[in-house]
N, C-alpha and C. Protein backbone atom coordinates (compact mmCIF):
# COMPACT_ATOMS: atom_id res chain seq x y z
N GLY A 1 -4.22 -15.99 -2.48
CA GLY A 1 -3.89 -14.84 -1.68
C GLY A 1 -2.77 -14.03 -2.31
N LEU A 2 -2.50 -12.89 -1.72
CA LEU A 2 -1.43 -12.02 -2.19
C LEU A 2 -0.06 -12.60 -1.92
N GLY A 3 0.09 -13.23 -0.79
CA GLY A 3 1.37 -13.82 -0.42
C GLY A 3 1.20 -14.69 0.79
N ASP A 4 2.04 -15.71 0.87
CA ASP A 4 1.98 -16.57 2.03
C ASP A 4 3.39 -16.96 2.45
N ASP A 5 3.50 -17.39 3.69
CA ASP A 5 4.80 -17.75 4.24
C ASP A 5 4.58 -18.75 5.36
N THR A 6 5.59 -19.57 5.59
CA THR A 6 5.57 -20.53 6.68
C THR A 6 6.70 -20.21 7.64
N VAL A 7 6.36 -20.16 8.94
CA VAL A 7 7.33 -19.85 9.98
C VAL A 7 7.40 -21.04 10.94
N LEU A 8 8.61 -21.44 11.30
CA LEU A 8 8.80 -22.50 12.29
C LEU A 8 8.89 -21.86 13.67
N PHE A 9 7.96 -22.23 14.57
CA PHE A 9 7.90 -21.64 15.91
C PHE A 9 7.78 -22.78 16.91
N PHE A 10 8.82 -23.01 17.71
CA PHE A 10 8.85 -24.11 18.69
C PHE A 10 8.47 -25.44 18.05
N ASP A 11 9.15 -25.80 16.96
CA ASP A 11 8.94 -27.05 16.23
C ASP A 11 7.55 -27.19 15.62
N THR A 12 6.84 -26.10 15.42
CA THR A 12 5.52 -26.11 14.81
C THR A 12 5.51 -25.15 13.62
N ASN A 13 5.04 -25.62 12.48
CA ASN A 13 4.92 -24.76 11.31
C ASN A 13 3.64 -23.93 11.41
N ILE A 14 3.77 -22.63 11.23
CA ILE A 14 2.63 -21.71 11.19
C ILE A 14 2.59 -21.10 9.80
N ASP A 15 1.47 -21.31 9.12
CA ASP A 15 1.29 -20.77 7.77
C ASP A 15 0.51 -19.47 7.86
N GLY A 16 1.06 -18.39 7.30
CA GLY A 16 0.38 -17.09 7.28
C GLY A 16 0.15 -16.66 5.85
N GLU A 17 -0.97 -15.99 5.61
CA GLU A 17 -1.31 -15.58 4.26
C GLU A 17 -2.03 -14.24 4.27
N ALA A 18 -1.63 -13.35 3.37
CA ALA A 18 -2.36 -12.10 3.12
C ALA A 18 -3.33 -12.37 1.98
N ASP A 19 -4.63 -12.41 2.30
CA ASP A 19 -5.63 -12.76 1.29
C ASP A 19 -5.97 -11.60 0.37
N SER A 20 -6.08 -10.39 0.91
CA SER A 20 -6.41 -9.25 0.05
C SER A 20 -5.96 -7.95 0.70
N LEU A 21 -5.68 -6.99 -0.16
CA LEU A 21 -5.34 -5.63 0.26
C LEU A 21 -6.10 -4.69 -0.66
N PHE A 22 -6.90 -3.80 -0.08
CA PHE A 22 -7.70 -2.84 -0.83
C PHE A 22 -7.44 -1.46 -0.26
N VAL A 23 -7.08 -0.50 -1.10
CA VAL A 23 -6.79 0.86 -0.65
C VAL A 23 -7.57 1.85 -1.50
N LEU A 24 -8.30 2.74 -0.85
CA LEU A 24 -9.03 3.82 -1.50
C LEU A 24 -8.36 5.13 -1.11
N SER A 25 -7.90 5.89 -2.10
CA SER A 25 -7.18 7.13 -1.84
C SER A 25 -7.82 8.29 -2.60
N ILE A 26 -7.71 9.46 -2.01
CA ILE A 26 -8.13 10.70 -2.65
C ILE A 26 -6.91 11.62 -2.65
N ARG A 27 -6.64 12.24 -3.77
CA ARG A 27 -5.43 13.03 -3.89
C ARG A 27 -5.76 14.50 -4.13
N GLY A 28 -5.11 15.37 -3.34
CA GLY A 28 -5.13 16.80 -3.57
C GLY A 28 -3.77 17.21 -4.07
N GLU A 29 -3.71 17.80 -5.26
CA GLU A 29 -2.43 18.08 -5.90
C GLU A 29 -2.23 19.58 -6.09
N LEU A 30 -1.01 20.05 -5.82
CA LEU A 30 -0.65 21.45 -5.99
C LEU A 30 0.46 21.55 -7.04
N PRO A 31 0.16 22.06 -8.24
CA PRO A 31 1.20 22.23 -9.25
C PRO A 31 2.12 23.39 -8.88
N LEU A 32 3.42 23.12 -8.86
CA LEU A 32 4.41 24.17 -8.57
C LEU A 32 5.01 24.76 -9.84
N SER A 33 4.92 24.00 -10.93
CA SER A 33 5.34 24.47 -12.25
C SER A 33 4.58 23.64 -13.29
N ASP A 34 4.89 23.82 -14.56
CA ASP A 34 4.21 23.03 -15.60
C ASP A 34 4.54 21.55 -15.51
N SER A 35 5.69 21.20 -14.93
CA SER A 35 6.09 19.80 -14.91
C SER A 35 6.26 19.21 -13.51
N PHE A 36 6.16 20.02 -12.45
CA PHE A 36 6.43 19.52 -11.10
C PHE A 36 5.27 19.86 -10.17
N SER A 37 4.82 18.87 -9.38
CA SER A 37 3.75 19.11 -8.42
C SER A 37 3.96 18.28 -7.17
N VAL A 38 3.34 18.70 -6.08
CA VAL A 38 3.33 17.96 -4.83
C VAL A 38 1.89 17.61 -4.51
N PHE A 39 1.69 16.53 -3.73
CA PHE A 39 0.32 16.14 -3.42
C PHE A 39 0.22 15.54 -2.02
N LEU A 40 -0.98 15.62 -1.48
CA LEU A 40 -1.35 15.01 -0.20
C LEU A 40 -2.40 13.96 -0.51
N GLN A 41 -2.29 12.79 0.13
CA GLN A 41 -3.13 11.66 -0.25
C GLN A 41 -3.64 10.90 0.97
N PRO A 42 -4.78 11.29 1.56
CA PRO A 42 -5.36 10.47 2.62
C PRO A 42 -5.95 9.19 2.02
N SER A 43 -5.89 8.09 2.79
CA SER A 43 -6.32 6.79 2.29
C SER A 43 -7.09 6.02 3.36
N TYR A 44 -7.87 5.06 2.90
CA TYR A 44 -8.57 4.12 3.77
C TYR A 44 -8.29 2.74 3.20
N ALA A 45 -7.68 1.85 4.00
CA ALA A 45 -7.21 0.57 3.50
C ALA A 45 -7.78 -0.60 4.29
N ASN A 46 -7.91 -1.74 3.62
CA ASN A 46 -8.37 -2.97 4.24
C ASN A 46 -7.37 -4.08 3.94
N LEU A 47 -6.95 -4.79 4.99
CA LEU A 47 -6.05 -5.93 4.85
C LEU A 47 -6.73 -7.14 5.48
N ASP A 48 -6.82 -8.22 4.72
CA ASP A 48 -7.43 -9.47 5.17
C ASP A 48 -6.33 -10.52 5.26
N VAL A 49 -6.05 -11.01 6.47
CA VAL A 49 -4.98 -11.98 6.68
C VAL A 49 -5.52 -13.22 7.39
N ALA A 50 -4.78 -14.33 7.24
CA ALA A 50 -5.15 -15.58 7.88
C ALA A 50 -3.88 -16.32 8.29
N ALA A 51 -3.99 -17.12 9.36
CA ALA A 51 -2.89 -17.97 9.82
C ALA A 51 -3.46 -19.31 10.23
N SER A 52 -2.69 -20.38 9.99
CA SER A 52 -3.14 -21.71 10.38
C SER A 52 -1.96 -22.54 10.84
N SER A 53 -2.27 -23.48 11.76
CA SER A 53 -1.27 -24.40 12.28
C SER A 53 -1.97 -25.56 12.97
N THR A 54 -1.46 -26.75 12.74
CA THR A 54 -1.95 -27.99 13.36
C THR A 54 -3.47 -28.09 13.38
N GLY A 55 -4.11 -27.80 12.25
CA GLY A 55 -5.55 -27.96 12.13
C GLY A 55 -6.38 -26.79 12.62
N SER A 56 -5.77 -25.77 13.20
CA SER A 56 -6.49 -24.58 13.66
C SER A 56 -6.16 -23.40 12.76
N SER A 57 -7.12 -22.49 12.63
CA SER A 57 -6.85 -21.31 11.81
C SER A 57 -7.54 -20.09 12.42
N VAL A 58 -6.96 -18.93 12.15
CA VAL A 58 -7.53 -17.65 12.56
C VAL A 58 -7.40 -16.70 11.39
N SER A 59 -8.29 -15.71 11.35
CA SER A 59 -8.21 -14.70 10.31
C SER A 59 -8.64 -13.36 10.90
N ASP A 60 -8.22 -12.28 10.23
CA ASP A 60 -8.58 -10.95 10.67
C ASP A 60 -8.75 -10.07 9.45
N ASP A 61 -9.69 -9.18 9.53
CA ASP A 61 -10.03 -8.24 8.48
C ASP A 61 -9.97 -6.85 9.11
N GLU A 62 -8.97 -6.05 8.75
CA GLU A 62 -8.71 -4.79 9.44
C GLU A 62 -8.78 -3.61 8.48
N TRP A 63 -9.51 -2.56 8.88
CA TRP A 63 -9.58 -1.30 8.13
C TRP A 63 -8.75 -0.25 8.86
N GLU A 64 -7.95 0.51 8.14
CA GLU A 64 -7.10 1.56 8.72
C GLU A 64 -7.12 2.81 7.85
N PHE A 65 -7.09 3.97 8.52
CA PHE A 65 -6.87 5.23 7.82
C PHE A 65 -5.37 5.43 7.66
N GLY A 66 -4.99 6.03 6.57
CA GLY A 66 -3.58 6.34 6.32
C GLY A 66 -3.45 7.73 5.76
N ILE A 67 -2.24 8.22 5.80
CA ILE A 67 -1.95 9.54 5.24
C ILE A 67 -0.66 9.43 4.45
N GLY A 68 -0.60 10.15 3.36
CA GLY A 68 0.60 10.10 2.53
C GLY A 68 0.75 11.37 1.73
N GLY A 69 1.84 11.41 1.02
CA GLY A 69 2.12 12.55 0.17
C GLY A 69 3.25 12.21 -0.76
N GLY A 70 3.49 13.09 -1.71
CA GLY A 70 4.57 12.81 -2.64
C GLY A 70 4.79 13.92 -3.63
N VAL A 71 5.61 13.58 -4.61
CA VAL A 71 5.96 14.52 -5.67
C VAL A 71 5.73 13.83 -7.02
N SER A 72 5.41 14.63 -8.01
CA SER A 72 5.19 14.13 -9.36
C SER A 72 5.95 15.02 -10.33
N PHE A 73 6.63 14.38 -11.29
CA PHE A 73 7.36 15.10 -12.31
C PHE A 73 6.82 14.66 -13.67
N LYS A 74 6.26 15.61 -14.42
CA LYS A 74 5.68 15.33 -15.73
C LYS A 74 6.79 15.34 -16.78
N MET A 75 7.09 14.15 -17.34
CA MET A 75 8.16 14.03 -18.34
C MET A 75 7.70 14.46 -19.72
N SER A 76 6.41 14.22 -20.02
CA SER A 76 5.83 14.60 -21.31
C SER A 76 4.33 14.75 -21.10
N GLU A 77 3.59 15.02 -22.18
CA GLU A 77 2.13 15.13 -22.08
C GLU A 77 1.49 13.78 -21.73
N SER A 78 2.21 12.69 -21.98
CA SER A 78 1.60 11.37 -21.78
C SER A 78 2.23 10.55 -20.65
N ALA A 79 3.25 11.06 -19.95
CA ALA A 79 3.89 10.26 -18.90
C ALA A 79 4.46 11.14 -17.79
N SER A 80 4.41 10.60 -16.57
CA SER A 80 5.02 11.28 -15.41
C SER A 80 5.58 10.21 -14.49
N ILE A 81 6.51 10.63 -13.62
CA ILE A 81 7.04 9.74 -12.60
C ILE A 81 6.64 10.30 -11.24
N GLU A 82 6.44 9.39 -10.26
CA GLU A 82 5.98 9.80 -8.94
C GLU A 82 6.74 9.08 -7.85
N ALA A 83 6.93 9.76 -6.74
CA ALA A 83 7.44 9.17 -5.50
C ALA A 83 6.41 9.45 -4.43
N VAL A 84 5.96 8.38 -3.74
CA VAL A 84 4.87 8.49 -2.76
C VAL A 84 5.30 7.86 -1.45
N TYR A 85 5.02 8.55 -0.34
CA TYR A 85 5.21 8.00 1.01
C TYR A 85 3.84 7.94 1.67
N GLU A 86 3.52 6.78 2.29
CA GLU A 86 2.26 6.63 3.03
C GLU A 86 2.53 5.95 4.36
N ASN A 87 1.66 6.24 5.35
CA ASN A 87 1.77 5.62 6.66
C ASN A 87 0.40 5.11 7.07
N PHE A 88 0.34 3.80 7.38
CA PHE A 88 -0.88 3.14 7.86
C PHE A 88 -0.56 2.51 9.20
N ASP A 89 -1.10 3.03 10.30
CA ASP A 89 -0.96 2.42 11.62
C ASP A 89 0.49 2.02 11.91
N ASP A 90 1.40 2.97 11.83
CA ASP A 90 2.84 2.78 12.07
C ASP A 90 3.53 1.89 11.04
N THR A 91 2.93 1.68 9.89
CA THR A 91 3.56 0.95 8.79
C THR A 91 3.87 1.94 7.69
N ASP A 92 5.14 2.05 7.32
CA ASP A 92 5.57 2.98 6.28
C ASP A 92 5.58 2.29 4.92
N VAL A 93 5.08 2.99 3.91
CA VAL A 93 5.05 2.47 2.54
C VAL A 93 5.68 3.53 1.65
N LEU A 94 6.69 3.15 0.88
CA LEU A 94 7.34 4.04 -0.07
C LEU A 94 7.20 3.41 -1.44
N SER A 95 6.69 4.17 -2.40
CA SER A 95 6.54 3.63 -3.74
C SER A 95 7.04 4.64 -4.79
N LEU A 96 7.56 4.10 -5.84
CA LEU A 96 7.99 4.88 -7.00
C LEU A 96 7.24 4.32 -8.20
N GLY A 97 6.79 5.20 -9.07
CA GLY A 97 6.02 4.70 -10.20
C GLY A 97 6.08 5.59 -11.41
N VAL A 98 5.61 5.03 -12.51
CA VAL A 98 5.46 5.75 -13.77
C VAL A 98 3.97 5.78 -14.07
N ARG A 99 3.45 6.92 -14.39
CA ARG A 99 2.04 7.08 -14.69
C ARG A 99 1.90 7.51 -16.15
N PHE A 100 1.05 6.79 -16.89
CA PHE A 100 0.78 7.11 -18.28
C PHE A 100 -0.59 7.78 -18.37
N HIS A 101 -0.65 8.90 -19.07
CA HIS A 101 -1.87 9.70 -19.21
C HIS A 101 -2.48 9.44 -20.58
N PHE A 102 -3.79 9.16 -20.61
CA PHE A 102 -4.49 8.90 -21.88
C PHE A 102 -5.39 10.05 -22.23
């Protein structure tokens, strides 16, 4: 899985695990200059989680629509940096990244 954790709840260990996260995004970008642009990014995401304790287990597979946007700064013809904010069902995601262009 992507990550797992154990929580102690009333003297009982509960194991939780995120098995997979899949996000499909489409980006509409507006260049404001040769090196700076802003974009809007609607997304559709799937999170598969599971929890188990004392021989019992449950799992859930949830699809959510999200919306996001950000800014991109082109440092050269082959690289840019980006800051992106996204929101999925009241969950905020902030990411910073470097993108290499081939």
